[in-house]
Amino acid sequence: MEIQIKGRTPLDPRQRILALEAATQAICENVGTDPADGVMMLLTAAVHMGMKYSWKSAKNQLDHLAYCLGCATVAADDFFSLKAAPIQPPEGEK
């Protein structure tokens, strides 16, 4: 697989996030999976990058990674005003 970035990479972090989101969705569509699978792809890639560029073992990074995920959630909410997921009633209740 070859990845080409055409045009300029956005300076705005929100636009870079949207570019990653679009690329992830395109990959999911190309292989015929639900775009929601991209969430696991992105999280796995983030952990892999953290492990790849850190001298610490994965076990010693768990708290840090959890903290980073919390910060990323807050940043995403600030950037994009996250909407709540619809609540599904328990099976048998409607």
C-alpha atoms as a PDB file:
ATOM      1  CA  MET A   1       0.000   0.000   0.000  1.00  0.00           C
ATOM      2  CA  GLU A   2       1.253   3.438  -0.876  1.00  0.00           C
ATOM      3  CA  ILE A   3      -0.073   6.578   0.733  1.00  0.00           C
ATOM      4  CA  GLN A   4       0.178   9.901  -1.044  1.00  0.00           C
ATOM      5  CA  ILE A   5      -0.738  13.197   0.517  1.00  0.00           C
ATOM      6  CA  LYS A   6      -1.813  15.661  -2.141  1.00  0.00           C
ATOM      7  CA  GLY A   7      -1.896  19.326  -1.365  1.00  0.00           C
ATOM      8  CA  ARG A   8      -0.705  20.957   1.801  1.00  0.00           C
ATOM      9  CA  THR A   9      -1.073  19.352   5.185  1.00  0.00           C
ATOM     10  CA  PRO A  10      -3.482  21.515   7.192  1.00  0.00           C
ATOM     11  CA  LEU A  11      -1.957  23.613   9.949  1.00  0.00           C
ATOM     12  CA  ASP A  12      -5.186  23.584  11.946  1.00  0.00           C
ATOM     13  CA  PRO A  13      -5.300  20.533  14.261  1.00  0.00           C
ATOM     14  CA  ARG A  14      -9.035  20.128  13.659  1.00  0.00           C
ATOM     15  CA  GLN A  15      -8.469  19.818   9.924  1.00  0.00           C
ATOM     16  CA  ARG A  16      -5.662  17.276  10.458  1.00  0.00           C
ATOM     17  CA  ILE A  17      -8.000  15.208  12.647  1.00  0.00           C
ATOM     18  CA  LEU A  18     -10.705  15.365   9.983  1.00  0.00           C
ATOM     19  CA  ALA A  19      -8.143  14.239   7.378  1.00  0.00           C
ATOM     20  CA  LEU A  20      -7.248  11.216   9.532  1.00  0.00           C
ATOM     21  CA  GLU A  21     -10.924  10.491  10.013  1.00  0.00           C
ATOM     22  CA  ALA A  22     -11.570  10.639   6.252  1.00  0.00           C
ATOM     23  CA  ALA A  23      -8.595   8.365   5.503  1.00  0.00           C
ATOM     24  CA  THR A  24      -9.744   5.884   8.142  1.00  0.00           C
ATOM     25  CA  GLN A  25     -13.282   5.861   6.774  1.00  0.00           C
ATOM     26  CA  ALA A  26     -11.938   5.313   3.233  1.00  0.00           C
ATOM     27  CA  ILE A  27      -9.853   2.342   4.427  1.00  0.00           C
ATOM     28  CA  CYS A  28     -12.894   0.805   6.143  1.00  0.00           C
ATOM     29  CA  GLU A  29     -15.030   1.296   3.038  1.00  0.00           C
ATOM     30  CA  ASN A  30     -12.277  -0.190   0.823  1.00  0.00           C
ATOM     31  CA  VAL A  31     -12.140  -3.409   2.845  1.00  0.00           C
ATOM     32  CA  GLY A  32     -15.895  -3.559   3.355  1.00  0.00           C
ATOM     33  CA  THR A  33     -16.031  -2.995   7.098  1.00  0.00           C
ATOM     34  CA  ASP A  34     -18.152  -0.633   9.130  1.00  0.00           C
ATOM     35  CA  PRO A  35     -16.478   2.786   9.488  1.00  0.00           C
ATOM     36  CA  ALA A  36     -16.866   2.351  13.255  1.00  0.00           C
ATOM     37  CA  ASP A  37     -14.064  -0.234  12.967  1.00  0.00           C
ATOM     38  CA  GLY A  38     -11.882   2.790  12.317  1.00  0.00           C
ATOM     39  CA  VAL A  39     -12.145   3.681  16.000  1.00  0.00           C
ATOM     40  CA  MET A  40     -10.251   0.517  16.929  1.00  0.00           C
ATOM     41  CA  MET A  41      -7.790   1.114  14.085  1.00  0.00           C
ATOM     42  CA  LEU A  42      -7.026   4.637  15.316  1.00  0.00           C
ATOM     43  CA  LEU A  43      -6.765   3.622  18.974  1.00  0.00           C
ATOM     44  CA  THR A  44      -4.499   0.695  18.107  1.00  0.00           C
ATOM     45  CA  ALA A  45      -2.330   2.933  15.924  1.00  0.00           C
ATOM     46  CA  ALA A  46      -2.077   5.503  18.727  1.00  0.00           C
ATOM     47  CA  VAL A  47      -0.962   2.865  21.232  1.00  0.00           C
ATOM     48  CA  HIS A  48       1.476   1.379  18.717  1.00  0.00           C
ATOM     49  CA  MET A  49       3.020   4.783  18.040  1.00  0.00           C
ATOM     50  CA  GLY A  50       3.298   5.451  21.764  1.00  0.00           C
ATOM     51  CA  MET A  51       5.072   2.128  22.297  1.00  0.00           C
ATOM     52  CA  LYS A  52       7.267   2.591  19.218  1.00  0.00           C
ATOM     53  CA  TYR A  53       8.592   5.988  20.274  1.00  0.00           C
ATOM     54  CA  SER A  54       8.849   5.434  24.019  1.00  0.00           C
ATOM     55  CA  TRP A  55      11.570   3.627  25.925  1.00  0.00           C
ATOM     56  CA  LYS A  56       9.016   2.413  28.488  1.00  0.00           C
ATOM     57  CA  SER A  57       7.327  -0.977  28.287  1.00  0.00           C
ATOM     58  CA  ALA A  58       3.656  -1.166  27.336  1.00  0.00           C
ATOM     59  CA  LYS A  59       2.787  -2.197  30.904  1.00  0.00           C
ATOM     60  CA  ASN A  60       4.394   0.983  32.248  1.00  0.00           C
ATOM     61  CA  GLN A  61       2.495   3.151  29.767  1.00  0.00           C
ATOM     62  CA  LEU A  62      -1.071   2.060  30.510  1.00  0.00           C
ATOM     63  CA  ASP A  63      -1.878   4.870  32.934  1.00  0.00           C
ATOM     64  CA  HIS A  64      -0.319   7.421  30.602  1.00  0.00           C
ATOM     65  CA  LEU A  65      -2.263   6.093  27.602  1.00  0.00           C
ATOM     66  CA  ALA A  66      -5.523   6.177  29.580  1.00  0.00           C
ATOM     67  CA  TYR A  67      -4.777   9.772  30.595  1.00  0.00           C
ATOM     68  CA  CYS A  68      -4.068  10.678  26.952  1.00  0.00           C
ATOM     69  CA  LEU A  69      -7.357   9.123  25.827  1.00  0.00           C
ATOM     70  CA  GLY A  70      -9.164  11.266  28.390  1.00  0.00           C
ATOM     71  CA  CYS A  71      -7.390  14.383  27.121  1.00  0.00           C
ATOM     72  CA  ALA A  72      -8.194  13.430  23.514  1.00  0.00           C
ATOM     73  CA  THR A  73     -11.876  13.062  24.424  1.00  0.00           C
ATOM     74  CA  VAL A  74     -11.930  16.539  25.953  1.00  0.00           C
ATOM     75  CA  ALA A  75     -10.097  17.973  22.926  1.00  0.00           C
ATOM     76  CA  ALA A  76     -12.524  16.307  20.507  1.00  0.00           C
ATOM     77  CA  ASP A  77     -15.470  17.675  22.477  1.00  0.00           C
ATOM     78  CA  ASP A  78     -13.939  21.168  22.361  1.00  0.00           C
ATOM     79  CA  PHE A  79     -13.152  20.889  18.640  1.00  0.00           C
ATOM     80  CA  PHE A  80     -16.328  19.254  17.401  1.00  0.00           C
ATOM     81  CA  SER A  81     -18.996  19.394  20.152  1.00  0.00           C
ATOM     82  CA  LEU A  82     -19.444  15.656  20.543  1.00  0.00           C
ATOM     83  CA  LYS A  83     -23.010  14.414  20.517  1.00  0.00           C
ATOM     84  CA  ALA A  84     -24.189  11.737  22.890  1.00  0.00           C
ATOM     85  CA  ALA A  85     -24.685   8.267  21.484  1.00  0.00           C
ATOM     86  CA  PRO A  86     -28.319   7.200  21.377  1.00  0.00           C
ATOM     87  CA  ILE A  87     -29.250   5.140  24.414  1.00  0.00           C
ATOM     88  CA  GLN A  88     -30.693   1.761  23.515  1.00  0.00           C
ATOM     89  CA  PRO A  89     -33.357   0.484  25.899  1.00  0.00           C
ATOM     90  CA  PRO A  90     -32.653  -2.911  27.479  1.00  0.00           C
ATOM     91  CA  GLU A  91     -33.893  -5.827  25.401  1.00  0.00           C
ATOM     92  CA  GLY A  92     -37.623  -6.320  25.896  1.00  0.00           C
ATOM     93  CA  GLU A  93     -38.234  -2.708  27.017  1.00  0.00           C
ATOM     94  CA  LYS A  94     -39.448  -0.022  24.655  1.00  0.00           C
END
